[in-house]
Structures are given as C-alpha cells and as structure tokens.
Amino acid sequence: MSVVQQQASAPLFFSDSAVNKVKQLIEEEGNSDLRLRVFVTGGGCSGFEYGFSFDDSQEEDDTVVERDGACLLVDPMSYQYLVGSTIEYQEGLQGSQFLVQNPNAKSTCGCGSSFTI
C-alpha cells in the first residue's frame, strides 16, 4: 500500500469540497472506517467510466490519499488513468455528485462520468 499525503506534488488531489462531503457522509453513517473509493471501468459512451463507492476495507495494493481526516482509495489499474486528477464534489441544479477532473482524458462526454484516453 502506498500512502500519499496531499501536497503540491501529489499524484492525485482531493478538493476541499470533496474532503468536506466525505467527512460529512462518514459522520452521517457513523462508521469512521469508511473511505471514498474512486475507480475506472470500461464502458460508458466514451470507452471508460468513473465510479465512486464507499469502502470500509482497504486492499494491500491500494493507493491512499489522505487529507484532513478523509481518505481516498484507488486500485492499481485505475490509478494509471487517474494520475494528476482532482476529485471534486459539486452541487448544482442537476443534483450533487463526485467528479473527476482528469488532465489525461482526451475527451469526455456530456454525462461527465465517461472519457477516453
């Protein structure tokens, strides 16, 4: 397991809004072991799709990004597609969601969760 303390040189970034939402959701669940897992799967309208889930277990080969008491988990396969990305949380007219701002994506679709490399 590699642990990344968020810094200017961190390979993944966890925005203030995402950190605050993760902490809020963990508090609501009453389970301090929960971590936000971000992953990439095949599919979606552009070839790859982002996914988010809460996980109370961590795999040995996960990359862990810790910031202000919130943890983000990324599996090794997904990590290669997410290096340099920022995990955001956004609330708007169409609802609220976690988002990935990925500088490696060549294109994204209108849904915001599908991309190509």
PDB file of N, CA and C in Angstrom:
ATOM      1  N   MET A   1       0.848  -1.181   0.000  1.00  0.00           N
ATOM      2  CA  MET A   1       0.000   0.000   0.000  1.00  0.00           C
ATOM      3  C   MET A   1       0.886   1.234   0.000  1.00  0.00           C
ATOM      4  N   SER A   2       0.586   2.167  -0.853  1.00  0.00           N
ATOM      5  CA  SER A   2       1.294   3.432  -0.822  1.00  0.00           C
ATOM      6  C   SER A   2       0.338   4.503  -0.296  1.00  0.00           C
ATOM      7  N   VAL A   3       0.838   5.326   0.586  1.00  0.00           N
ATOM      8  CA  VAL A   3       0.027   6.394   1.161  1.00  0.00           C
ATOM      9  C   VAL A   3       0.558   7.717   0.641  1.00  0.00           C
ATOM     10  N   VAL A   4      -0.334   8.538   0.123  1.00  0.00           N
ATOM     11  CA  VAL A   4       0.038   9.837  -0.408  1.00  0.00           C
ATOM     12  C   VAL A   4      -0.572  10.902   0.488  1.00  0.00           C
ATOM     13  N   GLN A   5       0.260  11.674   1.146  1.00  0.00           N
ATOM     14  CA  GLN A   5      -0.236  12.839   1.867  1.00  0.00           C
ATOM     15  C   GLN A   5      -0.362  13.928   0.824  1.00  0.00           C
ATOM     16  N   GLN A   6      -1.526  14.549   0.742  1.00  0.00           N
ATOM     17  CA  GLN A   6      -1.733  15.522  -0.333  1.00  0.00           C
ATOM     18  C   GLN A   6      -0.796  16.701  -0.175  1.00  0.00           C
ATOM     19  N   GLN A   7      -0.080  16.980  -1.255  1.00  0.00           N
ATOM     20  CA  GLN A   7       0.823  18.111  -1.335  1.00  0.00           C
ATOM     21  C   GLN A   7       0.787  18.610  -2.764  1.00  0.00           C
ATOM     22  N   ALA A   8       1.544  19.647  -3.044  1.00  0.00           N
ATOM     23  CA  ALA A   8       1.578  20.177  -4.406  1.00  0.00           C
ATOM     24  C   ALA A   8       2.081  19.130  -5.395  1.00  0.00           C
ATOM     25  N   SER A   9       2.904  18.197  -4.942  1.00  0.00           N
ATOM     26  CA  SER A   9       3.456  17.192  -5.834  1.00  0.00           C
ATOM     27  C   SER A   9       2.684  15.872  -5.813  1.00  0.00           C
ATOM     28  N   ALA A  10       1.551  15.826  -5.120  1.00  0.00           N
ATOM     29  CA  ALA A  10       0.790  14.583  -5.017  1.00  0.00           C
ATOM     30  C   ALA A  10       0.245  14.184  -6.387  1.00  0.00           C
ATOM     31  N   PRO A  11       0.236  12.879  -6.676  1.00  0.00           N
ATOM     32  CA  PRO A  11      -0.255  12.419  -7.969  1.00  0.00           C
ATOM     33  C   PRO A  11      -1.781  12.479  -8.108  1.00  0.00           C
ATOM     34  N   LEU A  12      -2.494  12.578  -7.012  1.00  0.00           N
ATOM     35  CA  LEU A  12      -3.952  12.727  -7.004  1.00  0.00           C
ATOM     36  C   LEU A  12      -4.309  13.824  -6.020  1.00  0.00           C
ATOM     37  N   PHE A  13      -5.332  14.580  -6.347  1.00  0.00           N
ATOM     38  CA  PHE A  13      -5.732  15.693  -5.488  1.00  0.00           C
ATOM     39  C   PHE A  13      -7.161  15.492  -5.029  1.00  0.00           C
ATOM     40  N   PHE A  14      -7.421  15.870  -3.807  1.00  0.00           N
ATOM     41  CA  PHE A  14      -8.700  15.705  -3.134  1.00  0.00           C
ATOM     42  C   PHE A  14      -9.144  17.114  -2.775  1.00  0.00           C
ATOM     43  N   SER A  15     -10.113  17.690  -3.500  1.00  0.00           N
ATOM     44  CA  SER A  15     -10.513  19.084  -3.297  1.00  0.00           C
ATOM     45  C   SER A  15     -11.160  19.298  -1.930  1.00  0.00           C
ATOM     46  N   ASP A  16     -11.205  20.566  -1.507  1.00  0.00           N
ATOM     47  CA  ASP A  16     -11.858  20.912  -0.243  1.00  0.00           C
ATOM     48  C   ASP A  16     -13.298  20.423  -0.217  1.00  0.00           C
ATOM     49  N   SER A  17     -14.022  20.644  -1.323  1.00  0.00           N
ATOM     50  CA  SER A  17     -15.433  20.256  -1.362  1.00  0.00           C
ATOM     51  C   SER A  17     -15.598  18.739  -1.227  1.00  0.00           C
ATOM     52  N   ALA A  18     -14.716  17.961  -1.862  1.00  0.00           N
ATOM     53  CA  ALA A  18     -14.790  16.504  -1.766  1.00  0.00           C
ATOM     54  C   ALA A  18     -14.424  16.025  -0.365  1.00  0.00           C
ATOM     55  N   VAL A  19     -13.383  16.597   0.208  1.00  0.00           N
ATOM     56  CA  VAL A  19     -12.980  16.228   1.571  1.00  0.00           C
ATOM     57  C   VAL A  19     -14.118  16.497   2.548  1.00  0.00           C
ATOM     58  N   ASN A  20     -14.710  17.679   2.453  1.00  0.00           N
ATOM     59  CA  ASN A  20     -15.790  18.038   3.374  1.00  0.00           C
ATOM     60  C   ASN A  20     -16.995  17.118   3.219  1.00  0.00           C
ATOM     61  N   LYS A  21     -17.353  16.754   1.976  1.00  0.00           N
ATOM     62  CA  LYS A  21     -18.503  15.880   1.758  1.00  0.00           C
ATOM     63  C   LYS A  21     -18.225  14.479   2.265  1.00  0.00           C
ATOM     64  N   VAL A  22     -17.025  13.966   2.027  1.00  0.00           N
ATOM     65  CA  VAL A  22     -16.675  12.635   2.525  1.00  0.00           C
ATOM     66  C   VAL A  22     -16.774  12.612   4.048  1.00  0.00           C
ATOM     67  N   LYS A  23     -16.227  13.611   4.700  1.00  0.00           N
ATOM     68  CA  LYS A  23     -16.285  13.664   6.162  1.00  0.00           C
ATOM     69  C   LYS A  23     -17.729  13.733   6.651  1.00  0.00           C
ATOM     70  N   GLN A  24     -18.566  14.509   5.968  1.00  0.00           N
ATOM     71  CA  GLN A  24     -19.978  14.623   6.335  1.00  0.00           C
ATOM     72  C   GLN A  24     -20.695  13.274   6.185  1.00  0.00           C
ATOM     73  N   LEU A  25     -20.471  12.595   5.068  1.00  0.00           N
ATOM     74  CA  LEU A  25     -21.132  11.310   4.834  1.00  0.00           C
ATOM     75  C   LEU A  25     -20.669  10.245   5.821  1.00  0.00           C
ATOM     76  N   ILE A  26     -19.388  10.248   6.157  1.00  0.00           N
ATOM     77  CA  ILE A  26     -18.863   9.294   7.134  1.00  0.00           C
ATOM     78  C   ILE A  26     -19.499   9.547   8.495  1.00  0.00           C
ATOM     79  N   GLU A  27     -19.628  10.804   8.867  1.00  0.00           N
ATOM     80  CA  GLU A  27     -20.256  11.154  10.149  1.00  0.00           C
ATOM     81  C   GLU A  27     -21.717  10.709  10.172  1.00  0.00           C
ATOM     82  N   GLU A  28     -22.434  10.921   9.068  1.00  0.00           N
ATOM     83  CA  GLU A  28     -23.835  10.502   8.982  1.00  0.00           C
ATOM     84  C   GLU A  28     -23.979   8.988   9.106  1.00  0.00           C
ATOM     85  N   GLU A  29     -23.033   8.241   8.533  1.00  0.00           N
ATOM     86  CA  GLU A  29     -23.073   6.781   8.598  1.00  0.00           C
ATOM     87  C   GLU A  29     -22.619   6.253   9.962  1.00  0.00           C
ATOM     88  N   GLY A  30     -21.858   7.049  10.690  1.00  0.00           N
ATOM     89  CA  GLY A  30     -21.354   6.616  11.983  1.00  0.00           C
ATOM     90  C   GLY A  30     -20.294   5.528  11.885  1.00  0.00           C
ATOM     91  N   ASN A  31     -19.584   5.468  10.757  1.00  0.00           N
ATOM     92  CA  ASN A  31     -18.543   4.459  10.556  1.00  0.00           C
ATOM     93  C   ASN A  31     -17.250   5.161  10.149  1.00  0.00           C
ATOM     94  N   SER A  32     -16.366   5.355  11.099  1.00  0.00           N
ATOM     95  CA  SER A  32     -15.129   6.093  10.839  1.00  0.00           C
ATOM     96  C   SER A  32     -14.146   5.322   9.961  1.00  0.00           C
ATOM     97  N   ASP A  33     -14.441   4.050   9.637  1.00  0.00           N
ATOM     98  CA  ASP A  33     -13.575   3.261   8.768  1.00  0.00           C
ATOM     99  C   ASP A  33     -13.872   3.473   7.284  1.00  0.00           C
ATOM    100  N   LEU A  34     -14.945   4.199   6.954  1.00  0.00           N
ATOM    101  CA  LEU A  34     -15.303   4.387   5.552  1.00  0.00           C
ATOM    102  C   LEU A  34     -14.315   5.298   4.843  1.00  0.00           C
ATOM    103  N   ARG A  35     -14.039   4.928   3.579  1.00  0.00           N
ATOM    104  CA  ARG A  35     -13.165   5.715   2.708  1.00  0.00           C
ATOM    105  C   ARG A  35     -13.839   5.814   1.349  1.00  0.00           C
ATOM    106  N   LEU A  36     -13.594   6.900   0.640  1.00  0.00           N
ATOM    107  CA  LEU A  36     -14.131   7.049  -0.701  1.00  0.00           C
ATOM    108  C   LEU A  36     -13.209   6.330  -1.678  1.00  0.00           C
ATOM    109  N   ARG A  37     -13.775   5.406  -2.450  1.00  0.00           N
ATOM    110  CA  ARG A  37     -13.009   4.696  -3.474  1.00  0.00           C
ATOM    111  C   ARG A  37     -13.409   5.268  -4.829  1.00  0.00           C
ATOM    112  N   VAL A  38     -12.414   5.650  -5.617  1.00  0.00           N
ATOM    113  CA  VAL A  38     -12.654   6.090  -6.998  1.00  0.00           C
ATOM    114  C   VAL A  38     -12.008   5.053  -7.903  1.00  0.00           C
ATOM    115  N   PHE A  39     -12.735   4.687  -8.970  1.00  0.00           N
ATOM    116  CA  PHE A  39     -12.227   3.645  -9.852  1.00  0.00           C
ATOM    117  C   PHE A  39     -12.627   3.937 -11.291  1.00  0.00           C
ATOM    118  N   VAL A  40     -11.958   3.263 -12.188  1.00  0.00           N
ATOM    119  CA  VAL A  40     -12.214   3.395 -13.620  1.00  0.00           C
ATOM    120  C   VAL A  40     -12.631   2.023 -14.129  1.00  0.00           C
ATOM    121  N   THR A  41     -13.707   1.987 -14.904  1.00  0.00           N
ATOM    122  CA  THR A  41     -14.152   0.746 -15.526  1.00  0.00           C
ATOM    123  C   THR A  41     -14.331   0.977 -17.021  1.00  0.00           C
ATOM    124  N   GLY A  42     -14.350  -0.091 -17.774  1.00  0.00           N
ATOM    125  CA  GLY A  42     -14.650   0.013 -19.190  1.00  0.00           C
ATOM    126  C   GLY A  42     -16.138   0.253 -19.353  1.00  0.00           C
ATOM    127  N   GLY A  43     -16.497   1.043 -20.357  1.00  0.00           N
ATOM    128  CA  GLY A  43     -17.913   1.290 -20.604  1.00  0.00           C
ATOM    129  C   GLY A  43     -18.201   2.761 -20.766  1.00  0.00           C
ATOM    130  N   GLY A  44     -19.447   3.103 -20.643  1.00  0.00           N
ATOM    131  CA  GLY A  44     -19.845   4.487 -20.840  1.00  0.00           C
ATOM    132  C   GLY A  44     -19.824   4.828 -22.317  1.00  0.00           C
ATOM    133  N   CYS A  45     -20.214   6.014 -22.652  1.00  0.00           N
ATOM    134  CA  CYS A  45     -20.313   6.389 -24.069  1.00  0.00           C
ATOM    135  C   CYS A  45     -18.963   6.770 -24.676  1.00  0.00           C
ATOM    136  N   SER A  46     -17.909   6.899 -23.862  1.00  0.00           N
ATOM    137  CA  SER A  46     -16.602   7.278 -24.407  1.00  0.00           C
ATOM    138  C   SER A  46     -15.523   6.220 -24.206  1.00  0.00           C
ATOM    139  N   GLY A  47     -15.857   5.066 -23.661  1.00  0.00           N
ATOM    140  CA  GLY A  47     -14.870   3.995 -23.524  1.00  0.00           C
ATOM    141  C   GLY A  47     -14.508   3.644 -22.101  1.00  0.00           C
ATOM    142  N   PHE A  48     -14.333   4.644 -21.248  1.00  0.00           N
ATOM    143  CA  PHE A  48     -14.050   4.423 -19.829  1.00  0.00           C
ATOM    144  C   PHE A  48     -15.053   5.220 -19.012  1.00  0.00           C
ATOM    145  N   GLU A  49     -15.267   4.751 -17.786  1.00  0.00           N
ATOM    146  CA  GLU A  49     -16.231   5.422 -16.919  1.00  0.00           C
ATOM    147  C   GLU A  49     -15.676   5.502 -15.502  1.00  0.00           C
ATOM    148  N   TYR A  50     -15.906   6.633 -14.839  1.00  0.00           N
ATOM    149  CA  TYR A  50     -15.500   6.799 -13.448  1.00  0.00           C
ATOM    150  C   TYR A  50     -16.579   6.209 -12.547  1.00  0.00           C
ATOM    151  N   GLY A  51     -16.141   5.663 -11.436  1.00  0.00           N
ATOM    152  CA  GLY A  51     -17.077   5.170 -10.432  1.00  0.00           C
ATOM    153  C   GLY A  51     -16.628   5.589  -9.050  1.00  0.00           C
ATOM    154  N   PHE A  52     -17.581   5.709  -8.147  1.00  0.00           N
ATOM    155  CA  PHE A  52     -17.305   6.072  -6.756  1.00  0.00           C
ATOM    156  C   PHE A  52     -18.095   5.144  -5.852  1.00  0.00           C
ATOM    157  N   SER A  53     -17.487   4.738  -4.760  1.00  0.00           N
ATOM    158  CA  SER A  53     -18.193   3.964  -3.750  1.00  0.00           C
ATOM    159  C   SER A  53     -17.525   4.230  -2.405  1.00  0.00           C
ATOM    160  N   PHE A  54     -18.233   3.909  -1.339  1.00  0.00           N
ATOM    161  CA  PHE A  54     -17.622   3.964  -0.017  1.00  0.00           C
ATOM    162  C   PHE A  54     -17.230   2.561   0.368  1.00  0.00           C
ATOM    163  N   ASP A  55     -16.046   2.432   0.927  1.00  0.00           N
ATOM    164  CA  ASP A  55     -15.474   1.131   1.242  1.00  0.00           C
ATOM    165  C   ASP A  55     -14.909   1.194   2.655  1.00  0.00           C
ATOM    166  N   ASP A  56     -15.182   0.155   3.447  1.00  0.00           N
ATOM    167  CA  ASP A  56     -14.600   0.143   4.791  1.00  0.00           C
ATOM    168  C   ASP A  56     -13.399  -0.791   4.878  1.00  0.00           C
ATOM    169  N   SER A  57     -12.988  -1.340   3.731  1.00  0.00           N
ATOM    170  CA  SER A  57     -11.768  -2.146   3.716  1.00  0.00           C
ATOM    171  C   SER A  57     -10.836  -1.619   2.637  1.00  0.00           C
ATOM    172  N   GLN A  58      -9.584  -1.810   2.890  1.00  0.00           N
ATOM    173  CA  GLN A  58      -8.542  -1.296   2.009  1.00  0.00           C
ATOM    174  C   GLN A  58      -7.709  -2.473   1.545  1.00  0.00           C
ATOM    175  N   GLU A  59      -7.464  -2.552   0.245  1.00  0.00           N
ATOM    176  CA  GLU A  59      -6.643  -3.627  -0.304  1.00  0.00           C
ATOM    177  C   GLU A  59      -5.163  -3.281  -0.130  1.00  0.00           C
ATOM    178  N   GLU A  60      -4.335  -4.297  -0.076  1.00  0.00           N
ATOM    179  CA  GLU A  60      -2.899  -4.108   0.150  1.00  0.00           C
ATOM    180  C   GLU A  60      -2.249  -3.222  -0.911  1.00  0.00           C
ATOM    181  N   ASP A  61      -2.726  -3.325  -2.164  1.00  0.00           N
ATOM    182  CA  ASP A  61      -2.098  -2.581  -3.245  1.00  0.00           C
ATOM    183  C   ASP A  61      -2.811  -1.271  -3.593  1.00  0.00           C
ATOM    184  N   ASP A  62      -3.768  -0.846  -2.771  1.00  0.00           N
ATOM    185  CA  ASP A  62      -4.445   0.436  -2.985  1.00  0.00           C
ATOM    186  C   ASP A  62      -3.503   1.608  -2.743  1.00  0.00           C
ATOM    187  N   THR A  63      -3.685   2.659  -3.514  1.00  0.00           N
ATOM    188  CA  THR A  63      -3.054   3.935  -3.205  1.00  0.00           C
ATOM    189  C   THR A  63      -4.046   4.689  -2.330  1.00  0.00           C
ATOM    190  N   VAL A  64      -3.550   5.293  -1.264  1.00  0.00           N
ATOM    191  CA  VAL A  64      -4.394   6.017  -0.317  1.00  0.00           C
ATOM    192  C   VAL A  64      -3.975   7.477  -0.311  1.00  0.00           C
ATOM    193  N   VAL A  65      -4.927   8.356  -0.555  1.00  0.00           N
ATOM    194  CA  VAL A  65      -4.683   9.794  -0.447  1.00  0.00           C
ATOM    195  C   VAL A  65      -5.434  10.258   0.789  1.00  0.00           C
ATOM    196  N   GLU A  66      -4.694  10.810   1.755  1.00  0.00           N
ATOM    197  CA  GLU A  66      -5.293  11.292   2.990  1.00  0.00           C
ATOM    198  C   GLU A  66      -5.216  12.805   3.039  1.00  0.00           C
ATOM    199  N   ARG A  67      -6.327  13.410   3.419  1.00  0.00           N
ATOM    200  CA  ARG A  67      -6.337  14.858   3.571  1.00  0.00           C
ATOM    201  C   ARG A  67      -7.354  15.249   4.626  1.00  0.00           C
ATOM    202  N   ASP A  68      -6.911  15.951   5.636  1.00  0.00           N
ATOM    203  CA  ASP A  68      -7.782  16.494   6.684  1.00  0.00           C
ATOM    204  C   ASP A  68      -8.729  15.456   7.267  1.00  0.00           C
ATOM    205  N   GLY A  69      -8.250  14.241   7.453  1.00  0.00           N
ATOM    206  CA  GLY A  69      -9.063  13.206   8.081  1.00  0.00           C
ATOM    207  C   GLY A  69      -9.948  12.423   7.133  1.00  0.00           C
ATOM    208  N   ALA A  70      -9.886  12.696   5.845  1.00  0.00           N
ATOM    209  CA  ALA A  70     -10.657  11.940   4.852  1.00  0.00           C
ATOM    210  C   ALA A  70      -9.684  11.149   3.989  1.00  0.00           C
ATOM    211  N   CYS A  71     -10.086   9.939   3.594  1.00  0.00           N
ATOM    212  CA  CYS A  71      -9.226   9.079   2.784  1.00  0.00           C
ATOM    213  C   CYS A  71      -9.888   8.739   1.465  1.00  0.00           C
ATOM    214  N   LEU A  72      -9.062   8.699   0.440  1.00  0.00           N
ATOM    215  CA  LEU A  72      -9.457   8.325  -0.904  1.00  0.00           C
ATOM    216  C   LEU A  72      -8.654   7.089  -1.278  1.00  0.00           C
ATOM    217  N   LEU A  73      -9.328   6.038  -1.774  1.00  0.00           N
ATOM    218  CA  LEU A  73      -8.668   4.804  -2.184  1.00  0.00           C
ATOM    219  C   LEU A  73      -8.719   4.669  -3.701  1.00  0.00           C
ATOM    220  N   VAL A  74      -7.616   4.198  -4.294  1.00  0.00           N
ATOM    221  CA  VAL A  74      -7.560   3.958  -5.735  1.00  0.00           C
ATOM    222  C   VAL A  74      -6.822   2.646  -5.964  1.00  0.00           C
ATOM    223  N   ASP A  75      -7.446   1.743  -6.723  1.00  0.00           N
ATOM    224  CA  ASP A  75      -6.794   0.473  -7.046  1.00  0.00           C
ATOM    225  C   ASP A  75      -5.714   0.714  -8.113  1.00  0.00           C
ATOM    226  N   PRO A  76      -4.755  -0.208  -8.246  1.00  0.00           N
ATOM    227  CA  PRO A  76      -3.632  -0.002  -9.176  1.00  0.00           C
ATOM    228  C   PRO A  76      -4.052   0.170 -10.643  1.00  0.00           C
ATOM    229  N   MET A  77      -5.046  -0.567 -11.104  1.00  0.00           N
ATOM    230  CA  MET A  77      -5.474  -0.446 -12.504  1.00  0.00           C
ATOM    231  C   MET A  77      -6.050   0.950 -12.747  1.00  0.00           C
ATOM    232  N   SER A  78      -6.863   1.437 -11.840  1.00  0.00           N
ATOM    233  CA  SER A  78      -7.476   2.759 -12.004  1.00  0.00           C
ATOM    234  C   SER A  78      -6.458   3.878 -11.838  1.00  0.00           C
ATOM    235  N   TYR A  79      -5.490   3.662 -10.969  1.00  0.00           N
ATOM    236  CA  TYR A  79      -4.502   4.692 -10.656  1.00  0.00           C
ATOM    237  C   TYR A  79      -3.806   5.212 -11.917  1.00  0.00           C
ATOM    238  N   GLN A  80      -3.452   4.300 -12.828  1.00  0.00           N
ATOM    239  CA  GLN A  80      -2.729   4.708 -14.037  1.00  0.00           C
ATOM    240  C   GLN A  80      -3.536   5.685 -14.886  1.00  0.00           C
ATOM    241  N   TYR A  81      -4.862   5.616 -14.821  1.00  0.00           N
ATOM    242  CA  TYR A  81      -5.719   6.531 -15.585  1.00  0.00           C
ATOM    243  C   TYR A  81      -6.021   7.822 -14.830  1.00  0.00           C
ATOM    244  N   LEU A  82      -5.767   7.815 -13.521  1.00  0.00           N
ATOM    245  CA  LEU A  82      -6.168   8.943 -12.678  1.00  0.00           C
ATOM    246  C   LEU A  82      -5.017   9.831 -12.218  1.00  0.00           C
ATOM    247  N   VAL A  83      -3.774   9.474 -12.509  1.00  0.00           N
ATOM    248  CA  VAL A  83      -2.624  10.266 -12.069  1.00  0.00           C
ATOM    249  C   VAL A  83      -2.798  11.714 -12.533  1.00  0.00           C
ATOM    250  N   GLY A  84      -2.648  12.646 -11.611  1.00  0.00           N
ATOM    251  CA  GLY A  84      -2.776  14.064 -11.910  1.00  0.00           C
ATOM    252  C   GLY A  84      -4.192  14.599 -11.810  1.00  0.00           C
ATOM    253  N   SER A  85      -5.149  13.728 -11.522  1.00  0.00           N
ATOM    254  CA  SER A  85      -6.559  14.134 -11.458  1.00  0.00           C
ATOM    255  C   SER A  85      -6.903  14.777 -10.126  1.00  0.00           C
ATOM    256  N   THR A  86      -7.981  15.545 -10.156  1.00  0.00           N
ATOM    257  CA  THR A  86      -8.547  16.141  -8.953  1.00  0.00           C
ATOM    258  C   THR A  86      -9.943  15.565  -8.736  1.00  0.00           C
ATOM    259  N   ILE A  87     -10.199  15.093  -7.531  1.00  0.00           N
ATOM    260  CA  ILE A  87     -11.524  14.593  -7.165  1.00  0.00           C
ATOM    261  C   ILE A  87     -12.273  15.755  -6.529  1.00  0.00           C
ATOM    262  N   GLU A  88     -13.410  16.090  -7.118  1.00  0.00           N
ATOM    263  CA  GLU A  88     -14.233  17.229  -6.683  1.00  0.00           C
ATOM    264  C   GLU A  88     -15.594  16.737  -6.216  1.00  0.00           C
ATOM    265  N   TYR A  89     -16.289  17.594  -5.497  1.00  0.00           N
ATOM    266  CA  TYR A  89     -17.697  17.359  -5.181  1.00  0.00           C
ATOM    267  C   TYR A  89     -18.441  18.604  -5.601  1.00  0.00           C
ATOM    268  N   GLN A  90     -19.538  18.406  -6.329  1.00  0.00           N
ATOM    269  CA  GLN A  90     -20.264  19.549  -6.872  1.00  0.00           C
ATOM    270  C   GLN A  90     -21.758  19.385  -6.616  1.00  0.00           C
ATOM    271  N   GLU A  91     -22.384  20.487  -6.213  1.00  0.00           N
ATOM    272  CA  GLU A  91     -23.831  20.532  -6.062  1.00  0.00           C
ATOM    273  C   GLU A  91     -24.369  21.547  -7.046  1.00  0.00           C
ATOM    274  N   GLY A  92     -25.433  21.174  -7.752  1.00  0.00           N
ATOM    275  CA  GLY A  92     -25.995  22.078  -8.748  1.00  0.00           C
ATOM    276  C   GLY A  92     -27.444  21.757  -9.019  1.00  0.00           C
ATOM    277  N   LEU A  93     -27.974  22.361 -10.058  1.00  0.00           N
ATOM    278  CA  LEU A  93     -29.369  22.176 -10.419  1.00  0.00           C
ATOM    279  C   LEU A  93     -29.693  20.733 -10.791  1.00  0.00           C
ATOM    280  N   GLN A  94     -28.726  20.024 -11.323  1.00  0.00           N
ATOM    281  CA  GLN A  94     -28.952  18.642 -11.726  1.00  0.00           C
ATOM    282  C   GLN A  94     -28.575  17.641 -10.642  1.00  0.00           C
ATOM    283  N   GLY A  95     -28.396  18.110  -9.435  1.00  0.00           N
ATOM    284  CA  GLY A  95     -28.081  17.221  -8.327  1.00  0.00           C
ATOM    285  C   GLY A  95     -26.663  17.422  -7.825  1.00  0.00           C
ATOM    286  N   SER A  96     -26.242  16.520  -6.982  1.00  0.00           N
ATOM    287  CA  SER A  96     -24.902  16.595  -6.414  1.00  0.00           C
ATOM    288  C   SER A  96     -24.153  15.314  -6.756  1.00  0.00           C
ATOM    289  N   GLN A  97     -22.830  15.465  -6.937  1.00  0.00           N
ATOM    290  CA  GLN A  97     -22.043  14.306  -7.320  1.00  0.00           C
ATOM    291  C   GLN A  97     -20.553  14.552  -7.116  1.00  0.00           C
ATOM    292  N   PHE A  98     -19.824  13.442  -6.969  1.00  0.00           N
ATOM    293  CA  PHE A  98     -18.380  13.495  -7.013  1.00  0.00           C
ATOM    294  C   PHE A  98     -17.983  13.489  -8.485  1.00  0.00           C
ATOM    295  N   LEU A  99     -16.948  14.255  -8.821  1.00  0.00           N
ATOM    296  CA  LEU A  99     -16.468  14.380 -10.193  1.00  0.00           C
ATOM    297  C   LEU A  99     -14.963  14.190 -10.240  1.00  0.00           C
ATOM    298  N   VAL A 100     -14.469  13.808 -11.411  1.00  0.00           N
ATOM    299  CA  VAL A 100     -13.037  13.698 -11.635  1.00  0.00           C
ATOM    300  C   VAL A 100     -12.650  14.716 -12.695  1.00  0.00           C
ATOM    301  N   GLN A 101     -11.699  15.580 -12.361  1.00  0.00           N
ATOM    302  CA  GLN A 101     -11.093  16.471 -13.351  1.00  0.00           C
ATOM    303  C   GLN A 101      -9.781  15.803 -13.740  1.00  0.00           C
ATOM    304  N   ASN A 102      -9.779  15.209 -14.935  1.00  0.00           N
ATOM    305  CA  ASN A 102      -8.670  14.364 -15.352  1.00  0.00           C
ATOM    306  C   ASN A 102      -7.916  14.998 -16.523  1.00  0.00           C
ATOM    307  N   PRO A 103      -6.669  15.447 -16.285  1.00  0.00           N
ATOM    308  CA  PRO A 103      -5.890  16.057 -17.367  1.00  0.00           C
ATOM    309  C   PRO A 103      -5.463  15.044 -18.433  1.00  0.00           C
ATOM    310  N   ASN A 104      -5.588  13.747 -18.142  1.00  0.00           N
ATOM    311  CA  ASN A 104      -5.192  12.698 -19.085  1.00  0.00           C
ATOM    312  C   ASN A 104      -6.292  12.365 -20.084  1.00  0.00           C
ATOM    313  N   ALA A 105      -7.511  12.782 -19.805  1.00  0.00           N
ATOM    314  CA  ALA A 105      -8.636  12.450 -20.686  1.00  0.00           C
ATOM    315  C   ALA A 105      -8.565  13.294 -21.952  1.00  0.00           C
ATOM    316  N   LYS A 106      -8.596  12.629 -23.095  1.00  0.00           N
ATOM    317  CA  LYS A 106      -8.573  13.345 -24.372  1.00  0.00           C
ATOM    318  C   LYS A 106      -9.940  13.926 -24.685  1.00  0.00           C
ATOM    319  N   SER A 107     -10.985  13.229 -24.277  1.00  0.00           N
ATOM    320  CA  SER A 107     -12.337  13.747 -24.462  1.00  0.00           C
ATOM    321  C   SER A 107     -13.245  13.157 -23.391  1.00  0.00           C
ATOM    322  N   THR A 108     -14.299  13.876 -23.101  1.00  0.00           N
ATOM    323  CA  THR A 108     -15.306  13.408 -22.163  1.00  0.00           C
ATOM    324  C   THR A 108     -16.662  13.574 -22.826  1.00  0.00           C
ATOM    325  N   CYS A 109     -17.650  12.884 -22.295  1.00  0.00           N
ATOM    326  CA  CYS A 109     -18.977  13.028 -22.872  1.00  0.00           C
ATOM    327  C   CYS A 109     -19.796  13.965 -21.985  1.00  0.00           C
ATOM    328  N   GLY A 110     -20.972  14.274 -22.404  1.00  0.00           N
ATOM    329  CA  GLY A 110     -21.832  15.216 -21.693  1.00  0.00           C
ATOM    330  C   GLY A 110     -22.214  14.776 -20.293  1.00  0.00           C
ATOM    331  N   CYS A 111     -22.189  13.472 -20.030  1.00  0.00           N
ATOM    332  CA  CYS A 111     -22.589  12.982 -18.711  1.00  0.00           C
ATOM    333  C   CYS A 111     -21.541  13.307 -17.646  1.00  0.00           C
ATOM    334  N   GLY A 112     -20.293  13.541 -18.063  1.00  0.00           N
ATOM    335  CA  GLY A 112     -19.232  13.885 -17.124  1.00  0.00           C
ATOM    336  C   GLY A 112     -18.596  12.700 -16.447  1.00  0.00           C
ATOM    337  N   SER A 113     -19.115  11.478 -16.654  1.00  0.00           N
ATOM    338  CA  SER A 113     -18.527  10.329 -15.997  1.00  0.00           C
ATOM    339  C   SER A 113     -17.867   9.371 -16.981  1.00  0.00           C
ATOM    340  N   SER A 114     -17.864   9.721 -18.262  1.00  0.00           N
ATOM    341  CA  SER A 114     -17.287   8.871 -19.298  1.00  0.00           C
ATOM    342  C   SER A 114     -16.187   9.645 -20.025  1.00  0.00           C
ATOM    343  N   PHE A 115     -15.082   8.942 -20.389  1.00  0.00           N
ATOM    344  CA  PHE A 115     -13.946   9.632 -21.001  1.00  0.00           C
ATOM    345  C   PHE A 115     -13.149   8.693 -21.878  1.00  0.00           C
ATOM    346  N   THR A 116     -12.273   9.261 -22.693  1.00  0.00           N
ATOM    347  CA  THR A 116     -11.312   8.488 -23.477  1.00  0.00           C
ATOM    348  C   THR A 116      -9.905   8.976 -23.134  1.00  0.00           C
ATOM    349  N   ILE A 117      -8.950   8.092 -23.319  1.00  0.00           N
ATOM    350  CA  ILE A 117      -7.529   8.403 -23.059  1.00  0.00           C
ATOM    351  C   ILE A 117      -6.796   8.423 -24.396  1.00  0.00           C
TER     352      ILE A 117
END
